[in-house]
Amino acid sequence: MSTFLMSHLDPAFTANFSQKRLQYARLGCLPDGVDTPEALIRHTLQLMEGVCPVLAGVLHAELAAGNHIRTVCKHLTVELLDITLVRPFTKRYKAKHLEYLLVKDPHYGPDPAFHYHQYTSLQAPLQRLTASLH
C-alpha cells in the first residue's frame, strides 16, 4: 500500500476551498459529506491509497522530483479515478503493464493547450494519471 501525504497535494489545493469544491461537484466526483477543506483532504488521500502499484510508482517518482497533485477525482457514476499533476511529467516512464498516451482532446481542436500526457495500466483500467504538456 502506498502512502500519500497532504504535502504531496498542490499547495493551492485548499487555498480556495469553495472553488475547488465547485470544480469537483461539476466533475461529478464530490461525495456527500465533503464540506470542509479537511474533509476534502481526507477524501483525496483515501482515494490515493487505491492507486494501482504501477501508477503509484510513477506518481511517487514524480512527487520525489518535486511535482504535486492538482486534482484527484473519482467519478461517482463510472468509478473512473483521475489524478492530475501540477506540472508535466519529468520523464517518460516505462514499466510492465504501464501504458502511455499523448491525448489531444478533440473537443478543443488542435490547440496544444488541451493536449496532455496520460498513463494507465491494465492492472486498473479505470485509473488515469495525467499531466499537461507545459
Protein backbone atom coordinates (compact mmCIF):
# COMPACT_ATOMS: atom_id res chain seq x y z
CA MET A 1 0.00 0.00 0.00
CA SER A 2 1.35 3.45 -0.97
CA THR A 3 1.46 6.34 1.41
CA PHE A 4 0.47 9.76 0.18
CA LEU A 5 0.55 12.87 2.34
CA MET A 6 -1.02 16.30 2.38
CA SER A 7 2.39 17.67 1.36
CA HIS A 8 2.01 15.81 -1.96
CA LEU A 9 -1.01 17.95 -2.84
CA ASP A 10 -0.75 21.22 -4.71
CA PRO A 11 -0.14 23.94 -2.08
CA ALA A 12 -3.19 25.73 -3.50
CA PHE A 13 -5.33 22.60 -3.07
CA THR A 14 -7.42 24.06 -0.26
CA ALA A 15 -6.46 27.74 -0.60
CA ASN A 16 -9.79 28.44 -2.26
CA PHE A 17 -11.89 25.57 -0.96
CA SER A 18 -15.20 26.84 -2.34
CA GLN A 19 -13.75 26.98 -5.86
CA LYS A 20 -12.18 23.51 -5.56
CA ARG A 21 -15.44 22.12 -4.15
CA LEU A 22 -17.40 23.62 -7.06
CA GLN A 23 -14.87 22.19 -9.55
CA TYR A 24 -15.25 18.70 -8.05
CA ALA A 25 -19.04 18.99 -7.99
CA ARG A 26 -19.06 19.94 -11.70
CA LEU A 27 -16.86 16.95 -12.48
CA GLY A 28 -19.29 14.66 -10.68
CA CYS A 29 -16.77 13.45 -8.12
CA LEU A 30 -17.77 15.09 -4.85
CA PRO A 31 -19.49 12.66 -2.46
CA ASP A 32 -21.86 13.78 0.26
CA GLY A 33 -20.20 14.93 3.45
CA VAL A 34 -17.17 16.55 1.86
CA ASP A 35 -17.97 20.05 3.03
CA THR A 36 -14.75 21.30 4.65
CA PRO A 37 -11.15 21.58 3.45
CA GLU A 38 -10.15 18.90 5.95
CA ALA A 39 -12.83 16.52 4.67
CA LEU A 40 -11.67 17.10 1.07
CA ILE A 41 -8.06 16.34 2.03
CA ARG A 42 -9.08 13.16 3.91
CA HIS A 43 -11.25 12.05 1.00
CA THR A 44 -8.45 12.73 -1.51
CA LEU A 45 -5.81 10.87 0.46
CA GLN A 46 -8.16 7.90 0.91
CA LEU A 47 -8.70 7.76 -2.86
CA MET A 48 -4.95 7.84 -3.41
CA GLU A 49 -4.49 4.67 -1.35
CA GLY A 50 -6.39 2.78 -4.06
CA VAL A 51 -3.99 3.66 -6.87
CA CYS A 52 -2.62 0.54 -8.55
CA PRO A 53 1.07 -0.24 -7.89
CA VAL A 54 2.39 0.60 -11.36
CA LEU A 55 0.72 4.05 -11.42
CA ALA A 56 1.71 4.61 -7.78
CA GLY A 57 5.32 4.03 -8.83
CA VAL A 58 5.12 6.75 -11.46
CA LEU A 59 3.31 9.03 -9.04
CA HIS A 60 5.89 8.54 -6.28
CA ALA A 61 8.72 9.25 -8.75
CA GLU A 62 7.02 12.48 -9.80
CA LEU A 63 6.40 13.55 -6.21
CA ALA A 64 10.04 12.83 -5.34
CA ALA A 65 11.04 15.05 -8.29
CA GLY A 66 9.02 17.92 -6.81
CA ASN A 67 5.77 17.62 -8.73
CA HIS A 68 2.45 17.90 -6.84
CA ILE A 69 -1.05 16.52 -7.23
CA ARG A 70 -3.52 19.09 -8.59
CA THR A 71 -6.72 17.03 -8.51
CA VAL A 72 -7.91 13.57 -7.59
CA CYS A 73 -11.37 12.83 -8.87
CA LYS A 74 -13.26 9.57 -8.61
CA HIS A 75 -16.30 9.99 -10.80
CA LEU A 76 -19.37 8.83 -8.92
CA THR A 77 -21.17 7.45 -11.96
CA VAL A 78 -18.42 5.47 -13.72
CA GLU A 79 -15.91 4.73 -10.93
CA LEU A 80 -13.12 6.32 -13.00
CA LEU A 81 -10.24 7.68 -10.92
CA ASP A 82 -8.41 10.65 -12.46
CA ILE A 83 -5.24 12.03 -10.90
CA THR A 84 -3.81 15.20 -12.41
CA LEU A 85 -0.39 16.63 -11.62
CA VAL A 86 0.51 20.30 -11.39
CA ARG A 87 3.47 20.16 -13.78
CA PRO A 88 4.35 17.99 -16.79
CA PHE A 89 5.90 14.59 -16.16
CA THR A 90 9.63 14.90 -15.54
CA LYS A 91 10.41 11.97 -17.84
CA ARG A 92 8.84 9.24 -19.94
CA TYR A 93 8.22 6.15 -17.79
CA LYS A 94 8.34 2.55 -18.93
CA ALA A 95 7.25 -0.42 -16.86
CA LYS A 96 5.42 -3.67 -17.28
CA HIS A 97 1.65 -3.03 -17.53
CA LEU A 98 2.20 0.73 -17.92
CA GLU A 99 0.73 2.42 -20.97
CA TYR A 100 1.48 5.94 -22.19
CA LEU A 101 -0.72 8.10 -24.37
CA LEU A 102 -0.50 11.64 -25.71
CA VAL A 103 -4.09 12.87 -25.60
CA LYS A 104 -5.27 15.57 -27.97
CA ASP A 105 -8.74 16.46 -26.75
CA PRO A 106 -10.91 16.75 -29.89
CA HIS A 107 -13.41 18.99 -28.11
CA TYR A 108 -10.89 21.84 -28.23
CA GLY A 109 -9.49 21.33 -31.70
CA PRO A 110 -5.77 21.47 -32.44
CA ASP A 111 -4.95 23.86 -29.54
CA PRO A 112 -1.92 22.30 -27.78
CA ALA A 113 -3.07 23.85 -24.51
CA PHE A 114 -5.58 21.00 -24.37
CA HIS A 115 -3.11 18.21 -25.06
CA TYR A 116 -1.80 16.16 -22.16
CA HIS A 117 0.21 13.08 -21.23
CA GLN A 118 -1.63 10.16 -19.69
CA TYR A 119 -0.53 6.93 -18.05
CA THR A 120 -2.83 4.00 -17.50
CA SER A 121 -2.38 0.38 -16.52
CA LEU A 122 -4.12 -2.82 -17.49
CA GLN A 123 -3.97 -3.65 -13.77
CA ALA A 124 -6.51 -0.88 -13.15
CA PRO A 125 -8.18 0.21 -16.40
CA LEU A 126 -10.36 2.78 -14.60
CA GLN A 127 -7.41 4.78 -13.27
CA ARG A 128 -5.58 7.54 -15.14
CA LEU A 129 -2.58 9.67 -14.22
CA THR A 130 -2.33 12.82 -16.31
CA ALA A 131 -0.17 15.93 -16.69
CA SER A 132 -0.23 18.82 -19.13
CA LEU A 133 2.47 19.26 -21.75
CA HIS A 134 3.53 22.68 -20.41
